[in-house]
Amino acid sequence: AYIPVLKNNADENQLYLSFVGTKAGLLIKLNQYKESFAECYLLLNESEKSSDTISQLLAINDLGWVNMEMDQNREAIGFLNIALQNPAINNTEKYGEYASFIYSNIAAAYNSIGKNDSAEYFINKVIPLAKKFENLTSLANSLAIKADIMSATKRNNEAENALVEVVNIRKQIGDP
């Protein structure tokens, strides 16, 4: 009920985009993929109109994420590569935390299709960013992806070390 009110108030554009993005993510988590696609495209369209780079990156990342959830990893990689082409990705001071979400998802998607070298390349970009921005959820997720990559490439000791770190972080943040 409040989203249309925010949409029509120029002073509340950032809050409006945040609500649309949150709704898209929740719909993905609820496996409501058709609806989440619609919200992702709405977010992309609205963020382009207002030149909001962060919301644009999040919208494209979410389009990749919903495709990953549907096991459409090649399509996901396509969307995530579009996000990686945005010059803002290189400004890690301003956009590094958002870039880490994209790197993490593309690493997972590459891992899912057996392109472990590409997966490892991107996961190794995520971990320092997650640490820099002290985003423990992102760090735990990326370490779990790293463990999958290490396991797939028969580096079991590295996989185990990453998983031990994941468990410790998840305990620290109260995430079972």
C-alpha atoms as a PDB file:
ATOM      1  CA  ALA A   1       0.000   0.000   0.000  1.00  0.00           C
ATOM      2  CA  TYR A   2       2.889   2.386   0.731  1.00  0.00           C
ATOM      3  CA  ILE A   3       4.982   1.602  -2.343  1.00  0.00           C
ATOM      4  CA  PRO A   4       2.751   3.630  -4.737  1.00  0.00           C
ATOM      5  CA  VAL A   5       2.846   6.558  -2.286  1.00  0.00           C
ATOM      6  CA  LEU A   6       6.648   6.433  -2.233  1.00  0.00           C
ATOM      7  CA  LYS A   7       6.823   6.082  -6.023  1.00  0.00           C
ATOM      8  CA  ASN A   8       4.982   9.340  -6.488  1.00  0.00           C
ATOM      9  CA  ASN A   9       7.156  11.266  -4.021  1.00  0.00           C
ATOM     10  CA  ALA A  10      10.464  12.347  -5.593  1.00  0.00           C
ATOM     11  CA  ASP A  11      12.000  12.850  -2.140  1.00  0.00           C
ATOM     12  CA  GLU A  12      11.376   9.194  -1.317  1.00  0.00           C
ATOM     13  CA  ASN A  13      12.817   7.647  -4.506  1.00  0.00           C
ATOM     14  CA  GLN A  14      15.630   5.864  -2.667  1.00  0.00           C
ATOM     15  CA  LEU A  15      13.201   4.309  -0.197  1.00  0.00           C
ATOM     16  CA  TYR A  16      10.884   3.333  -3.058  1.00  0.00           C
ATOM     17  CA  LEU A  17      13.718   1.563  -4.914  1.00  0.00           C
ATOM     18  CA  SER A  18      14.768  -0.145  -1.706  1.00  0.00           C
ATOM     19  CA  PHE A  19      11.246  -1.488  -1.160  1.00  0.00           C
ATOM     20  CA  VAL A  20      11.003  -2.765  -4.744  1.00  0.00           C
ATOM     21  CA  GLY A  21      14.396  -4.467  -4.403  1.00  0.00           C
ATOM     22  CA  THR A  22      13.462  -6.030  -1.088  1.00  0.00           C
ATOM     23  CA  LYS A  23      10.198  -7.297  -2.546  1.00  0.00           C
ATOM     24  CA  ALA A  24      12.067  -8.848  -5.503  1.00  0.00           C
ATOM     25  CA  GLY A  25      14.434 -10.670  -3.146  1.00  0.00           C
ATOM     26  CA  LEU A  26      11.610 -11.916  -0.946  1.00  0.00           C
ATOM     27  CA  LEU A  27       9.719 -13.242  -3.961  1.00  0.00           C
ATOM     28  CA  ILE A  28      12.831 -15.147  -5.056  1.00  0.00           C
ATOM     29  CA  LYS A  29      13.130 -16.681  -1.578  1.00  0.00           C
ATOM     30  CA  LEU A  30       9.441 -17.659  -1.780  1.00  0.00           C
ATOM     31  CA  ASN A  31      10.065 -19.378  -5.152  1.00  0.00           C
ATOM     32  CA  GLN A  32       7.685 -16.953  -6.836  1.00  0.00           C
ATOM     33  CA  TYR A  33       9.921 -16.551  -9.848  1.00  0.00           C
ATOM     34  CA  LYS A  34       7.489 -15.003 -12.335  1.00  0.00           C
ATOM     35  CA  GLU A  35       6.583 -12.325  -9.815  1.00  0.00           C
ATOM     36  CA  SER A  36      10.221 -11.752  -8.881  1.00  0.00           C
ATOM     37  CA  PHE A  37      11.163 -11.257 -12.552  1.00  0.00           C
ATOM     38  CA  ALA A  38       8.490  -8.555 -12.776  1.00  0.00           C
ATOM     39  CA  GLU A  39       9.830  -6.785  -9.671  1.00  0.00           C
ATOM     40  CA  CYS A  40      13.434  -7.067 -10.897  1.00  0.00           C
ATOM     41  CA  TYR A  41      12.524  -5.480 -14.219  1.00  0.00           C
ATOM     42  CA  LEU A  42      10.509  -2.800 -12.427  1.00  0.00           C
ATOM     43  CA  LEU A  43      13.517  -2.059 -10.214  1.00  0.00           C
ATOM     44  CA  LEU A  44      15.829  -1.959 -13.221  1.00  0.00           C
ATOM     45  CA  ASN A  45      13.525   0.384 -15.123  1.00  0.00           C
ATOM     46  CA  GLU A  46      12.947   2.717 -12.183  1.00  0.00           C
ATOM     47  CA  SER A  47      16.621   2.781 -11.187  1.00  0.00           C
ATOM     48  CA  GLU A  48      17.662   3.606 -14.753  1.00  0.00           C
ATOM     49  CA  LYS A  49      15.175   6.511 -14.803  1.00  0.00           C
ATOM     50  CA  SER A  50      16.700   7.942 -11.644  1.00  0.00           C
ATOM     51  CA  SER A  51      20.304   7.004 -12.518  1.00  0.00           C
ATOM     52  CA  ASP A  52      20.616   4.968  -9.315  1.00  0.00           C
ATOM     53  CA  THR A  53      23.655   2.767  -9.943  1.00  0.00           C
ATOM     54  CA  ILE A  54      23.312   0.679  -6.791  1.00  0.00           C
ATOM     55  CA  SER A  55      19.698  -0.238  -7.530  1.00  0.00           C
ATOM     56  CA  GLN A  56      20.615  -1.015 -11.151  1.00  0.00           C
ATOM     57  CA  LEU A  57      23.355  -3.380  -9.992  1.00  0.00           C
ATOM     58  CA  LEU A  58      21.034  -5.019  -7.482  1.00  0.00           C
ATOM     59  CA  ALA A  59      18.277  -5.447 -10.084  1.00  0.00           C
ATOM     60  CA  ILE A  60      20.605  -7.144 -12.550  1.00  0.00           C
ATOM     61  CA  ASN A  61      22.112  -9.249  -9.771  1.00  0.00           C
ATOM     62  CA  ASP A  62      18.616 -10.346  -8.754  1.00  0.00           C
ATOM     63  CA  LEU A  63      17.814 -11.272 -12.369  1.00  0.00           C
ATOM     64  CA  GLY A  64      20.882 -13.495 -12.239  1.00  0.00           C
ATOM     65  CA  TRP A  65      19.861 -14.876  -8.853  1.00  0.00           C
ATOM     66  CA  VAL A  66      16.325 -15.795  -9.928  1.00  0.00           C
ATOM     67  CA  ASN A  67      17.744 -17.606 -12.953  1.00  0.00           C
ATOM     68  CA  MET A  68      20.142 -19.485 -10.681  1.00  0.00           C
ATOM     69  CA  GLU A  69      17.230 -20.533  -8.469  1.00  0.00           C
ATOM     70  CA  MET A  70      15.507 -21.866 -11.580  1.00  0.00           C
ATOM     71  CA  ASP A  71      18.704 -23.772 -12.483  1.00  0.00           C
ATOM     72  CA  GLN A  72      19.166 -21.570 -15.543  1.00  0.00           C
ATOM     73  CA  ASN A  73      22.818 -20.900 -14.776  1.00  0.00           C
ATOM     74  CA  ARG A  74      23.890 -19.875 -18.275  1.00  0.00           C
ATOM     75  CA  GLU A  75      21.149 -17.232 -18.346  1.00  0.00           C
ATOM     76  CA  ALA A  76      22.202 -16.157 -14.857  1.00  0.00           C
ATOM     77  CA  ILE A  77      25.789 -15.731 -16.031  1.00  0.00           C
ATOM     78  CA  GLY A  78      24.529 -13.577 -18.899  1.00  0.00           C
ATOM     79  CA  PHE A  79      22.762 -11.196 -16.534  1.00  0.00           C
ATOM     80  CA  LEU A  80      25.646 -11.140 -14.083  1.00  0.00           C
ATOM     81  CA  ASN A  81      28.095 -10.358 -16.872  1.00  0.00           C
ATOM     82  CA  ILE A  82      25.915  -7.373 -17.790  1.00  0.00           C
ATOM     83  CA  ALA A  83      26.288  -6.154 -14.209  1.00  0.00           C
ATOM     84  CA  LEU A  84      30.044  -6.698 -14.377  1.00  0.00           C
ATOM     85  CA  GLN A  85      30.231  -4.491 -17.477  1.00  0.00           C
ATOM     86  CA  ASN A  86      28.975  -1.529 -15.459  1.00  0.00           C
ATOM     87  CA  PRO A  87      32.004   0.732 -14.862  1.00  0.00           C
ATOM     88  CA  ALA A  88      30.860   1.286 -11.264  1.00  0.00           C
ATOM     89  CA  ILE A  89      32.010  -2.252 -10.420  1.00  0.00           C
ATOM     90  CA  ASN A  90      35.595  -1.007 -10.550  1.00  0.00           C
ATOM     91  CA  ASN A  91      34.932   1.605  -7.862  1.00  0.00           C
ATOM     92  CA  THR A  92      35.294  -0.753  -4.918  1.00  0.00           C
ATOM     93  CA  GLU A  93      35.239   2.052  -2.374  1.00  0.00           C
ATOM     94  CA  LYS A  94      31.706   3.034  -3.351  1.00  0.00           C
ATOM     95  CA  TYR A  95      30.258  -0.124  -4.908  1.00  0.00           C
ATOM     96  CA  GLY A  96      32.479  -2.944  -3.638  1.00  0.00           C
ATOM     97  CA  GLU A  97      29.901  -4.453  -1.336  1.00  0.00           C
ATOM     98  CA  TYR A  98      27.386  -4.659  -4.189  1.00  0.00           C
ATOM     99  CA  ALA A  99      30.050  -6.025  -6.528  1.00  0.00           C
ATOM    100  CA  SER A 100      30.694  -8.785  -4.001  1.00  0.00           C
ATOM    101  CA  PHE A 101      27.102 -10.040  -4.396  1.00  0.00           C
ATOM    102  CA  ILE A 102      27.535 -10.192  -8.160  1.00  0.00           C
ATOM    103  CA  TYR A 103      30.920 -11.924  -7.927  1.00  0.00           C
ATOM    104  CA  SER A 104      29.506 -14.444  -5.477  1.00  0.00           C
ATOM    105  CA  ASN A 105      26.529 -15.288  -7.660  1.00  0.00           C
ATOM    106  CA  ILE A 106      28.552 -15.587 -10.845  1.00  0.00           C
ATOM    107  CA  ALA A 107      31.035 -17.836  -9.037  1.00  0.00           C
ATOM    108  CA  ALA A 108      28.183 -20.088  -7.900  1.00  0.00           C
ATOM    109  CA  ALA A 109      26.677 -20.155 -11.390  1.00  0.00           C
ATOM    110  CA  TYR A 110      30.004 -21.026 -13.022  1.00  0.00           C
ATOM    111  CA  ASN A 111      30.556 -23.721 -10.409  1.00  0.00           C
ATOM    112  CA  SER A 112      27.116 -25.173 -11.168  1.00  0.00           C
ATOM    113  CA  ILE A 113      28.014 -25.639 -14.822  1.00  0.00           C
ATOM    114  CA  GLY A 114      31.462 -27.063 -14.035  1.00  0.00           C
ATOM    115  CA  LYS A 115      33.522 -24.024 -15.045  1.00  0.00           C
ATOM    116  CA  ASN A 116      35.610 -24.202 -11.902  1.00  0.00           C
ATOM    117  CA  ASP A 117      38.434 -21.912 -13.055  1.00  0.00           C
ATOM    118  CA  SER A 118      35.984 -19.079 -13.658  1.00  0.00           C
ATOM    119  CA  ALA A 119      34.171 -19.877 -10.420  1.00  0.00           C
ATOM    120  CA  GLU A 120      37.413 -19.734  -8.467  1.00  0.00           C
ATOM    121  CA  TYR A 121      38.449 -16.478 -10.138  1.00  0.00           C
ATOM    122  CA  PHE A 122      35.256 -14.747  -9.035  1.00  0.00           C
ATOM    123  CA  ILE A 123      35.051 -16.255  -5.571  1.00  0.00           C
ATOM    124  CA  ASN A 124      38.577 -15.034  -4.905  1.00  0.00           C
ATOM    125  CA  LYS A 125      37.366 -11.510  -5.712  1.00  0.00           C
ATOM    126  CA  VAL A 126      34.476 -11.766  -3.242  1.00  0.00           C
ATOM    127  CA  ILE A 127      36.233 -12.822  -0.068  1.00  0.00           C
ATOM    128  CA  PRO A 128      38.479  -9.741   0.316  1.00  0.00           C
ATOM    129  CA  LEU A 129      35.513  -7.448  -0.396  1.00  0.00           C
ATOM    130  CA  ALA A 130      33.306  -9.213   2.152  1.00  0.00           C
ATOM    131  CA  LYS A 131      36.080  -8.848   4.727  1.00  0.00           C
ATOM    132  CA  LYS A 132      36.722  -5.211   3.827  1.00  0.00           C
ATOM    133  CA  PHE A 133      33.064  -4.285   4.241  1.00  0.00           C
ATOM    134  CA  GLU A 134      32.686  -6.593   7.262  1.00  0.00           C
ATOM    135  CA  ASN A 135      29.717  -8.317   5.652  1.00  0.00           C
ATOM    136  CA  LEU A 136      29.773 -11.617   7.511  1.00  0.00           C
ATOM    137  CA  THR A 137      26.755 -13.043   5.701  1.00  0.00           C
ATOM    138  CA  SER A 138      28.429 -12.415   2.346  1.00  0.00           C
ATOM    139  CA  LEU A 139      31.684 -13.838   3.677  1.00  0.00           C
ATOM    140  CA  ALA A 140      29.980 -17.010   4.931  1.00  0.00           C
ATOM    141  CA  ASN A 141      28.117 -17.455   1.644  1.00  0.00           C
ATOM    142  CA  SER A 142      31.254 -16.938  -0.424  1.00  0.00           C
ATOM    143  CA  LEU A 143      33.261 -19.351   1.712  1.00  0.00           C
ATOM    144  CA  ALA A 144      30.529 -21.965   1.264  1.00  0.00           C
ATOM    145  CA  ILE A 145      30.742 -21.464  -2.500  1.00  0.00           C
ATOM    146  CA  LYS A 146      34.528 -21.686  -2.256  1.00  0.00           C
ATOM    147  CA  ALA A 147      34.160 -24.985  -0.388  1.00  0.00           C
ATOM    148  CA  ASP A 148      32.005 -26.327  -3.232  1.00  0.00           C
ATOM    149  CA  ILE A 149      34.595 -25.230  -5.782  1.00  0.00           C
ATOM    150  CA  MET A 150      37.444 -26.764  -3.777  1.00  0.00           C
ATOM    151  CA  SER A 151      35.495 -29.998  -3.406  1.00  0.00           C
ATOM    152  CA  ALA A 152      34.719 -30.114  -7.129  1.00  0.00           C
ATOM    153  CA  THR A 153      38.426 -29.681  -7.894  1.00  0.00           C
ATOM    154  CA  LYS A 154      39.444 -32.369  -5.377  1.00  0.00           C
ATOM    155  CA  ARG A 155      41.097 -29.939  -2.945  1.00  0.00           C
ATOM    156  CA  ASN A 156      39.397 -31.406   0.066  1.00  0.00           C
ATOM    157  CA  ASN A 157      41.624 -29.838   2.727  1.00  0.00           C
ATOM    158  CA  GLU A 158      40.899 -26.363   1.367  1.00  0.00           C
ATOM    159  CA  ALA A 159      37.188 -27.237   1.167  1.00  0.00           C
ATOM    160  CA  GLU A 160      37.196 -28.394   4.787  1.00  0.00           C
ATOM    161  CA  ASN A 161      39.018 -25.256   5.967  1.00  0.00           C
ATOM    162  CA  ALA A 162      36.490 -23.046   4.185  1.00  0.00           C
ATOM    163  CA  LEU A 163      33.576 -24.971   5.709  1.00  0.00           C
ATOM    164  CA  VAL A 164      35.009 -24.701   9.218  1.00  0.00           C
ATOM    165  CA  GLU A 165      35.241 -20.946   8.710  1.00  0.00           C
ATOM    166  CA  VAL A 166      31.631 -20.872   7.401  1.00  0.00           C
ATOM    167  CA  VAL A 167      30.350 -22.671  10.502  1.00  0.00           C
ATOM    168  CA  ASN A 168      32.250 -20.312  12.806  1.00  0.00           C
ATOM    169  CA  ILE A 169      30.910 -17.223  11.025  1.00  0.00           C
ATOM    170  CA  ARG A 170      27.345 -18.559  10.982  1.00  0.00           C
ATOM    171  CA  LYS A 171      27.559 -19.222  14.731  1.00  0.00           C
ATOM    172  CA  GLN A 172      28.898 -15.700  15.251  1.00  0.00           C
ATOM    173  CA  ILE A 173      26.001 -14.090  13.367  1.00  0.00           C
ATOM    174  CA  GLY A 174      23.355 -16.482  14.692  1.00  0.00           C
ATOM    175  CA  ASP A 175      22.569 -18.023  11.318  1.00  0.00           C
ATOM    176  CA  PRO A 176      21.889 -21.758  11.549  1.00  0.00           C
END
